[in-house]
Protein backbone atom coordinates (compact mmCIF):
# COMPACT_ATOMS: atom_id res chain seq x y z
CA MET A 1 115.24 132.49 101.47
CA SER A 2 114.93 131.58 105.15
CA LYS A 3 117.59 129.61 107.01
CA SER A 4 117.60 125.98 105.92
CA LYS A 5 116.41 123.49 108.52
CA THR A 6 116.14 119.74 108.69
CA VAL A 7 112.49 118.72 109.00
CA ILE A 8 110.81 115.38 109.62
CA VAL A 9 107.24 115.14 108.34
CA ILE A 10 105.32 112.23 109.84
CA GLY A 11 102.61 111.28 107.37
CA GLY A 12 102.54 110.86 103.59
CA GLY A 13 98.97 111.87 102.74
CA ILE A 14 98.08 115.02 100.82
CA VAL A 15 98.77 117.17 103.90
CA GLY A 16 102.16 115.59 104.60
CA LEU A 17 103.30 115.62 100.98
CA SER A 18 102.07 119.19 100.45
CA THR A 19 104.04 120.20 103.55
CA ALA A 20 107.13 118.44 102.19
CA TYR A 21 106.61 120.16 98.81
CA PHE A 22 106.52 123.70 100.19
CA LEU A 23 109.29 123.04 102.72
CA HIS A 24 111.48 121.77 99.90
CA LYS A 25 110.65 124.80 97.78
CA GLU A 26 111.76 126.99 100.70
CA GLY A 27 115.13 125.22 100.80
CA HIS A 28 114.64 122.97 103.83
CA GLN A 29 115.94 119.39 104.00
CA VAL A 30 112.89 117.17 104.37
CA THR A 31 112.35 113.56 105.38
CA VAL A 32 108.86 112.01 105.15
CA LEU A 33 107.96 108.93 107.19
CA ASP A 34 104.77 106.97 106.51
CA LYS A 35 103.46 103.70 107.88
CA SER A 36 102.12 102.62 104.47
CA ASP A 37 103.49 102.40 100.94
CA ILE A 38 101.61 105.65 100.15
CA SER A 39 99.35 104.10 97.55
CA ALA A 40 96.03 104.05 99.39
CA GLY A 41 94.04 105.80 102.10
CA ALA A 42 91.92 108.94 102.35
CA SER A 43 94.18 110.97 100.03
CA PHE A 44 93.63 108.43 97.26
CA VAL A 45 89.92 107.63 97.68
CA ASN A 46 88.34 111.06 98.18
CA ALA A 47 86.08 112.92 95.76
CA GLY A 48 88.87 115.26 94.62
CA TYR A 49 86.95 118.47 95.27
CA LEU A 50 88.37 121.93 95.93
CA THR A 51 85.44 123.34 97.82
CA PRO A 52 85.25 126.98 98.89
CA SER A 53 81.46 126.45 98.88
CA HIS A 54 81.65 124.02 101.82
CA ILE A 55 81.54 126.77 104.42
CA VAL A 56 79.40 124.78 106.88
CA SER A 57 81.57 122.58 109.11
CA LEU A 58 80.67 118.97 109.83
CA ALA A 59 79.88 119.95 113.43
CA SER A 60 76.61 121.68 112.57
CA PRO A 61 73.34 121.80 114.52
CA GLY A 62 71.46 118.50 114.44
CA MET A 63 74.36 116.27 113.42
CA ILE A 64 74.59 114.45 116.76
CA THR A 65 70.83 113.82 116.71
CA GLN A 66 71.19 112.53 113.18
CA GLY A 67 74.08 110.31 114.25
CA ILE A 68 72.02 108.79 117.07
CA LYS A 69 69.15 108.25 114.66
CA TYR A 70 71.46 106.38 112.27
CA MET A 71 73.41 104.55 114.99
CA PHE A 72 71.80 101.19 114.39
CA ASN A 73 71.68 101.44 110.60
CA SER A 74 75.13 100.49 109.30
CA SER A 75 74.23 101.52 105.72
CA SER A 76 73.26 105.09 106.66
CA PRO A 77 75.29 108.04 105.28
CA PHE A 78 76.36 109.19 108.77
CA TYR A 79 77.05 106.17 110.98
CA MET A 80 78.39 106.04 114.53
CA LYS A 81 79.11 102.50 115.62
CA PRO A 82 78.05 102.01 119.25
CA ARG A 83 81.17 101.34 121.33
CA TRP A 84 82.67 102.08 124.72
CA ASP A 85 85.75 104.17 124.06
CA ILE A 86 86.65 107.04 126.36
CA ASP A 87 88.40 109.05 123.61
CA PHE A 88 85.37 108.69 121.36
CA MET A 89 82.98 109.67 124.16
CA LYS A 90 85.01 112.82 124.89
CA TRP A 91 85.17 113.66 121.20
CA ALA A 92 81.40 113.19 120.81
CA TRP A 93 80.79 115.53 123.76
CA TYR A 94 83.07 118.18 122.25
CA PHE A 95 81.37 117.67 118.88
CA LYS A 96 77.98 118.33 120.48
CA LYS A 97 79.29 121.47 122.20
CA SER A 98 80.68 122.70 118.87
CA SER A 99 77.45 122.08 116.94
CA THR A 100 75.84 125.45 117.55
CA LYS A 101 74.60 127.99 115.02
CA ALA A 102 76.86 130.71 116.46
CA LYS A 103 80.03 128.59 116.24
CA VAL A 104 79.20 127.38 112.74
CA GLU A 105 78.65 130.93 111.47
CA LYS A 106 81.84 132.16 113.13
CA ALA A 107 83.80 129.46 111.30
CA MET A 108 82.34 130.19 107.86
CA PRO A 109 84.71 132.99 106.75
CA VAL A 110 87.67 131.03 108.10
CA ILE A 111 86.70 127.95 106.08
CA ARG A 112 86.20 130.13 103.00
CA ASP A 113 89.60 131.79 103.37
CA ILE A 114 91.63 128.61 103.76
CA ASN A 115 89.75 126.94 100.88
CA LEU A 116 90.38 129.88 98.55
CA LEU A 117 94.04 129.93 99.56
CA SER A 118 94.33 126.21 98.84
CA ARG A 119 92.56 126.50 95.47
CA GLU A 120 95.05 129.20 94.48
CA LEU A 121 97.96 127.01 95.59
CA PHE A 122 96.64 123.99 93.66
CA GLU A 123 96.50 126.18 90.56
CA GLY A 124 100.02 127.42 91.26
CA ILE A 125 101.35 123.88 91.56
CA GLN A 126 99.65 122.99 88.28
CA ALA A 127 101.10 126.05 86.54
CA SER A 128 104.63 125.28 87.83
CA GLY A 129 104.73 122.02 85.88
CA ASP A 130 106.45 120.34 88.83
CA LEU A 131 103.92 117.49 88.90
CA GLY A 132 103.64 117.04 85.16
CA HIS A 133 100.15 116.88 83.72
CA PHE A 134 97.03 116.96 85.85
CA GLU A 135 93.70 118.65 85.29
CA ILE A 136 91.75 120.99 87.51
CA GLY A 137 88.15 120.90 86.31
CA ASN A 138 86.55 124.33 86.52
CA GLN A 139 82.89 123.57 85.73
CA GLY A 140 81.99 124.12 89.37
CA LEU A 141 80.11 121.69 91.61
CA LEU A 142 76.46 120.71 91.35
CA MET A 143 74.31 120.16 94.42
CA MET A 144 71.47 118.04 93.02
CA PHE A 145 68.24 117.73 94.99
CA GLN A 146 65.13 115.61 94.67
CA THR A 147 63.12 117.31 97.41
CA ASP A 148 62.16 120.86 98.38
CA LYS A 149 63.59 120.23 101.85
CA ALA A 150 67.08 119.61 100.47
CA ARG A 151 66.80 122.60 98.13
CA ASP A 152 65.73 124.93 100.92
CA HIS A 153 68.56 123.70 103.16
CA GLU A 154 71.17 124.45 100.52
CA MET A 155 69.59 127.80 99.67
CA GLU A 156 70.24 128.85 103.27
CA VAL A 157 73.91 128.13 102.65
CA VAL A 158 73.71 130.05 99.36
CA GLU A 159 72.52 133.17 101.16
CA LYS A 160 75.32 133.01 103.71
CA ALA A 161 77.91 132.27 101.02
CA LYS A 162 76.73 135.22 98.95
CA ASP A 163 77.68 137.52 101.81
CA LEU A 164 81.14 135.94 101.70
CA GLY A 165 81.55 136.57 97.97
CA LEU A 166 80.94 132.98 96.81
CA ASN A 167 78.78 132.70 93.71
CA SER A 168 76.20 130.07 92.80
CA ARG A 169 73.20 129.57 90.52
CA LEU A 170 69.87 127.85 91.18
CA LEU A 171 69.06 125.51 88.29
CA THR A 172 65.67 124.23 87.23
CA LYS A 173 65.10 120.58 86.46
CA GLN A 174 65.46 121.31 82.73
CA GLU A 175 68.60 123.42 83.19
CA LEU A 176 70.12 120.61 85.21
CA GLN A 177 69.21 118.11 82.50
CA ASP A 178 70.75 120.36 79.84
CA LEU A 179 74.10 120.19 81.67
CA GLU A 180 74.10 116.39 81.41
CA PRO A 181 72.57 115.65 77.98
CA ASN A 182 73.93 112.08 77.91
CA LEU A 183 71.91 111.02 80.94
CA THR A 184 68.40 111.13 82.35
CA ILE A 185 68.63 112.99 85.64
CA ASN A 186 66.16 112.09 88.35
CA ALA A 187 66.30 115.34 90.32
CA ASN A 188 64.07 118.38 90.67
CA GLY A 189 66.90 120.83 90.20
CA GLY A 190 70.32 121.81 91.41
CA ILE A 191 72.58 124.55 92.68
CA LEU A 192 75.79 125.15 90.76
CA TRP A 193 78.67 126.41 92.88
CA GLU A 194 80.86 128.21 90.38
CA CYS A 195 83.73 128.69 92.84
CA ASP A 196 84.50 124.97 93.19
CA ARG A 197 86.91 122.78 91.23
CA HIS A 198 87.66 119.07 90.92
CA THR A 199 90.75 116.93 90.41
CA THR A 200 91.97 113.32 90.17
CA PRO A 201 93.63 112.54 93.54
CA PRO A 202 95.47 109.26 92.68
CA LEU A 203 97.20 110.94 89.74
CA ILE A 204 98.25 113.99 91.74
CA MET A 205 99.47 111.88 94.65
CA ARG A 206 101.60 109.68 92.37
CA ASN A 207 103.03 112.72 90.58
CA MET A 208 103.72 114.50 93.88
CA LEU A 209 105.58 111.49 95.24
CA GLU A 210 107.66 111.19 92.08
CA TYR A 211 108.53 114.89 92.14
CA LEU A 212 109.58 114.85 95.79
CA GLU A 213 111.65 111.68 95.45
CA THR A 214 113.51 112.99 92.40
CA SER A 215 114.03 116.41 94.02
CA GLY A 216 115.97 115.18 97.03
CA VAL A 217 113.21 114.75 99.60
CA GLU A 218 113.71 111.49 101.50
CA ILE A 219 110.57 109.36 101.49
CA HIS A 220 110.53 106.37 103.86
CA LYS A 221 107.56 104.13 103.15
CA ASN A 222 106.25 101.26 105.29
CA GLU A 223 107.91 102.77 108.34
CA SER A 224 105.69 103.33 111.36
CA VAL A 225 106.71 105.94 113.92
CA THR A 226 106.55 104.37 117.37
CA ASP A 227 107.83 107.08 119.69
CA LEU A 228 108.94 110.69 120.06
CA SER A 229 111.82 111.46 122.44
CA VAL A 230 111.55 114.75 124.31
CA SER A 231 114.13 116.82 126.16
CA GLY A 232 112.85 119.99 127.77
CA ASN A 233 110.64 121.72 125.24
CA ARG A 234 112.00 119.99 122.15
CA VAL A 235 111.43 116.77 120.29
CA THR A 236 114.95 115.36 120.01
CA ASP A 237 114.34 112.06 118.24
CA VAL A 238 111.69 110.38 116.12
CA ARG A 239 111.78 106.63 116.45
CA SER A 240 110.35 104.21 113.92
CA GLU A 241 110.30 100.44 113.76
CA LYS A 242 113.46 100.63 111.65
CA ALA A 243 115.53 103.64 112.73
CA THR A 244 115.92 106.74 114.88
CA TYR A 245 115.87 110.19 113.28
CA SER A 246 116.65 113.67 114.56
CA ALA A 247 115.87 117.03 112.99
CA ASP A 248 115.46 120.73 113.75
CA GLU A 249 111.70 120.52 113.28
CA VAL A 250 109.01 117.83 113.41
CA VAL A 251 105.59 117.96 111.74
CA LEU A 252 102.80 115.62 112.85
CA ALA A 253 100.64 115.13 109.77
CA SER A 254 99.67 111.49 110.21
CA GLY A 255 95.93 111.88 109.76
CA SER A 256 93.72 109.78 112.02
CA TRP A 257 96.79 108.35 113.80
CA THR A 258 98.04 111.78 114.93
CA SER A 259 96.24 111.75 118.28
CA ASP A 260 98.04 108.56 119.34
CA LEU A 261 101.43 110.08 118.51
CA SER A 262 100.54 113.39 120.15
CA LYS A 263 100.13 111.61 123.48
CA LYS A 264 103.87 110.93 123.35
CA ILE A 265 104.47 114.65 123.88
CA ARG A 266 101.71 115.14 126.47
CA LEU A 267 99.20 116.57 124.02
CA GLN A 268 95.59 115.38 124.12
CA LEU A 269 94.33 115.95 120.58
CA PRO A 270 90.60 115.15 120.21
CA LEU A 271 90.40 113.32 116.90
CA GLN A 272 88.33 110.52 115.42
CA ALA A 273 88.68 108.53 112.22
CA GLY A 274 85.74 109.12 109.86
CA LYS A 275 85.73 106.37 107.28
CA GLY A 276 84.72 107.20 103.71
CA TYR A 277 84.19 104.86 100.76
CA ARG A 278 84.71 105.13 97.03
CA ILE A 279 83.64 103.17 93.95
CA ASN A 280 85.55 103.71 90.69
CA MET A 281 83.70 102.98 87.45
CA GLU A 282 86.02 102.70 84.45
CA GLU A 283 83.20 102.07 81.97
CA PRO A 284 81.82 105.25 80.29
CA THR A 285 79.05 106.85 82.37
CA GLY A 286 78.29 109.98 80.36
CA ILE A 287 78.72 112.07 83.52
CA THR A 288 80.57 115.32 82.83
CA PHE A 289 79.77 117.46 85.90
CA PRO A 290 80.93 116.76 89.46
CA ALA A 291 77.90 116.59 91.72
CA ILE A 292 76.75 115.93 95.25
CA LEU A 293 73.52 113.95 95.46
CA MET A 294 72.09 115.80 98.40
CA GLU A 295 69.56 113.42 99.87
CA LYS A 296 71.98 110.49 99.68
CA LYS A 297 75.10 112.50 100.62
CA ILE A 298 77.08 110.98 97.74
CA ALA A 299 79.80 112.71 95.73
CA VAL A 300 80.12 112.05 91.99
CA THR A 301 83.30 113.07 90.18
CA PRO A 302 84.33 112.57 86.54
CA MET A 303 88.07 111.95 86.85
CA GLU A 304 90.86 111.30 84.37
CA GLY A 305 90.10 107.77 83.14
CA PHE A 306 87.12 106.89 85.35
CA THR A 307 84.10 108.17 87.26
CA ARG A 308 84.26 108.13 91.05
CA PHE A 309 81.33 107.74 93.45
CA ALA A 310 82.26 108.51 97.04
CA GLY A 311 80.60 109.11 100.33
CA THR A 312 79.50 108.17 103.84
CA MET A 313 80.97 109.13 107.20
CA GLU A 314 81.50 106.13 109.45
CA PHE A 315 82.82 106.49 112.98
CA SER A 316 83.89 103.00 113.97
CA GLY A 317 87.47 103.49 115.10
CA ILE A 318 90.68 102.96 113.16
CA ASN A 319 90.08 100.05 110.80
CA HIS A 320 89.83 99.45 107.07
CA THR A 321 86.93 97.03 107.14
CA ILE A 322 84.78 97.38 104.03
CA ARG A 323 81.09 97.17 104.94
CA MET A 324 79.47 96.04 101.72
CA GLU A 325 76.08 97.31 102.84
CA ARG A 326 77.57 100.82 102.73
CA VAL A 327 79.04 100.22 99.28
CA GLU A 328 75.66 98.98 98.05
CA ALA A 329 73.97 102.05 99.54
CA ILE A 330 76.28 104.30 97.53
CA ALA A 331 75.56 102.36 94.34
CA ARG A 332 71.80 102.43 94.86
CA GLY A 333 71.92 106.12 95.66
CA VAL A 334 73.80 106.92 92.46
CA GLU A 335 71.46 104.82 90.35
CA SER A 336 68.44 106.59 91.85
CA TYR A 337 69.69 109.95 90.49
CA TYR A 338 71.06 108.81 87.13
CA GLU A 339 68.35 106.73 85.45
CA GLY A 340 69.70 103.85 83.40
CA LEU A 341 73.15 103.96 85.01
CA SER A 342 74.16 100.63 86.52
CA ILE A 343 77.33 100.28 88.56
CA PRO A 344 79.00 96.91 87.73
CA GLU A 345 79.43 94.30 90.46
CA LYS A 346 83.17 94.28 89.78
CA ALA A 347 83.42 97.99 90.56
CA LYS A 348 81.53 97.49 93.81
CA SER A 349 83.67 94.52 94.80
CA GLU A 350 86.79 96.65 94.32
CA ALA A 351 85.53 99.50 96.52
CA LYS A 352 88.10 101.09 98.83
CA CYS A 353 87.92 103.14 102.00
CA GLY A 354 89.98 105.81 103.71
CA LEU A 355 90.09 107.32 107.19
CA ARG A 356 89.54 111.07 107.46
CA PRO A 357 90.85 112.71 110.65
CA VAL A 358 87.91 114.60 112.18
CA SER A 359 88.21 117.25 114.88
CA PRO A 360 85.21 117.96 117.14
CA ASP A 361 84.44 121.32 115.52
CA GLY A 362 85.23 120.36 111.93
CA LEU A 363 88.19 122.75 111.71
CA PRO A 364 91.70 121.43 111.16
CA TYR A 365 94.53 121.50 113.66
CA ILE A 366 97.33 123.64 112.21
CA GLY A 367 100.02 125.22 114.35
CA ARG A 368 102.74 124.98 116.95
CA VAL A 369 102.32 123.10 120.20
CA LYS A 370 102.85 125.61 123.01
CA HIS A 371 105.07 123.41 125.19
CA MET A 372 107.17 122.17 122.23
CA ASN A 373 109.08 124.78 120.28
CA ASN A 374 109.97 122.54 117.34
CA LEU A 375 106.71 120.60 116.81
CA THR A 376 103.91 121.58 114.43
CA ILE A 377 100.55 119.82 114.06
CA ALA A 378 98.78 119.47 110.69
CA THR A 379 95.70 117.24 110.78
CA GLY A 380 91.97 117.12 111.57
CA HIS A 381 90.65 118.31 108.19
CA ALA A 382 87.61 115.98 108.14
CA MET A 383 86.08 115.92 104.64
CA MET A 384 88.20 118.83 103.41
CA GLY A 385 91.61 117.18 103.67
CA TRP A 386 92.15 117.03 99.93
CA SER A 387 90.85 120.54 99.38
CA LEU A 388 93.02 121.99 102.17
CA GLY A 389 96.23 119.99 101.68
CA PRO A 390 98.27 122.67 99.88
CA ALA A 391 97.07 125.50 102.15
CA THR A 392 98.06 123.49 105.22
CA GLY A 393 101.45 122.66 103.74
CA LYS A 394 102.07 126.31 102.91
CA LEU A 395 101.04 127.52 106.38
CA VAL A 396 103.23 124.92 108.11
CA THR A 397 106.16 125.96 105.92
CA GLU A 398 105.61 129.61 106.85
CA ILE A 399 105.52 128.70 110.55
CA ILE A 400 108.76 126.74 110.35
CA SER A 401 110.46 129.37 108.17
CA GLY A 402 109.43 132.23 110.45
CA GLN A 403 107.60 133.98 107.62
CA GLU A 404 104.44 136.08 107.61
CA LEU A 405 101.44 133.74 107.46
CA SER A 406 99.19 133.69 104.41
CA MET A 407 96.19 133.88 106.76
CA GLY A 408 95.42 133.91 110.46
CA ILE A 409 95.53 130.45 112.04
CA ALA A 410 94.19 131.12 115.55
CA PRO A 411 90.96 129.16 114.83
CA PHE A 412 93.12 126.11 113.99
CA ASP A 413 95.06 126.11 117.29
CA PRO A 414 95.79 122.45 118.18
CA GLN A 415 95.25 123.30 121.86
CA ARG A 416 92.02 125.25 121.48
CA LYS A 417 89.20 124.67 123.96
CA PHE A 418 85.95 123.01 122.97
């Protein structure tokens, strides 16, 4: 057991709560501050995947060109709203610089390693019984394609993943149909990633909150952090709208809002909010396998009590505006793959969104800030926030506890150059 410290974790999403969980397990005294009531946001509306197969970062060759192409189509899967914002312009430039084949390939084993670590930690949390019942579906993840172009693109990933020890199977149209006998699948085939898993995020988040609150972790909801007081190379106080807190260590895990707070300690953290949407369908769908509909870039997940359809990446700043044209695009995309499936109007009208914190190179920010010896950053996970929550929490705990790290974190340096 390492020496007990007092730790303030700013942010109550999956990354913040996972950090609080592992810090508590290590014997530290933890306080979590979150601006919301911790019942919504990206940690609640994501597809619930644990995805070692997703070794290609968002910042891949051609993505900026694709973003420009989609810029004036607000229902497109990858949408950048035209706006004059200096932080966004800088981020977009760094994103472009990061979108090279060499950088993407260099990041692949790193992405694999942190995903495998996180999958193992999710399974460990489940086995501990701390969070009560929750399922981890182990069927794998289907990548369903309607065109040869999409198939060939994913097969390139398959070849690279094979070298990294990640297994998959190419399925014919009939083999794909056999996996979903209750539905008529409108796809030419699929690739089954056997290394992937799926979960039900709202259930896990609720159970995690309950466990932490009953275990002595202080959770302060609806309390926005407004300032960080600094003396020398230490954060001395964390100020919210309601109170002032002090602790031995501070963790910034506030998702898309982290870059604003980081400016308080003279840290420019390139970060943009990437909005994602979800539709929950409580009526039976017959869907039993989690799948990504490749051409439409939509995630489909059978969860405990409902089926979730999620997707899109919208860069339009920090807001929770629901663009119904994007919701409709998800619904139409789903219905074009599953013949006869009709998503009810009520489900579409109750669609929610969440803001994913996206770094320019698609890798998270995890680590100490060089000029602050008691501040750790944990954000920037893009579309892998849910998948990487436990791994990030474990690594942050090891940093604060002065323990040997479960993996190298140099690629996640919050002050890395782009």
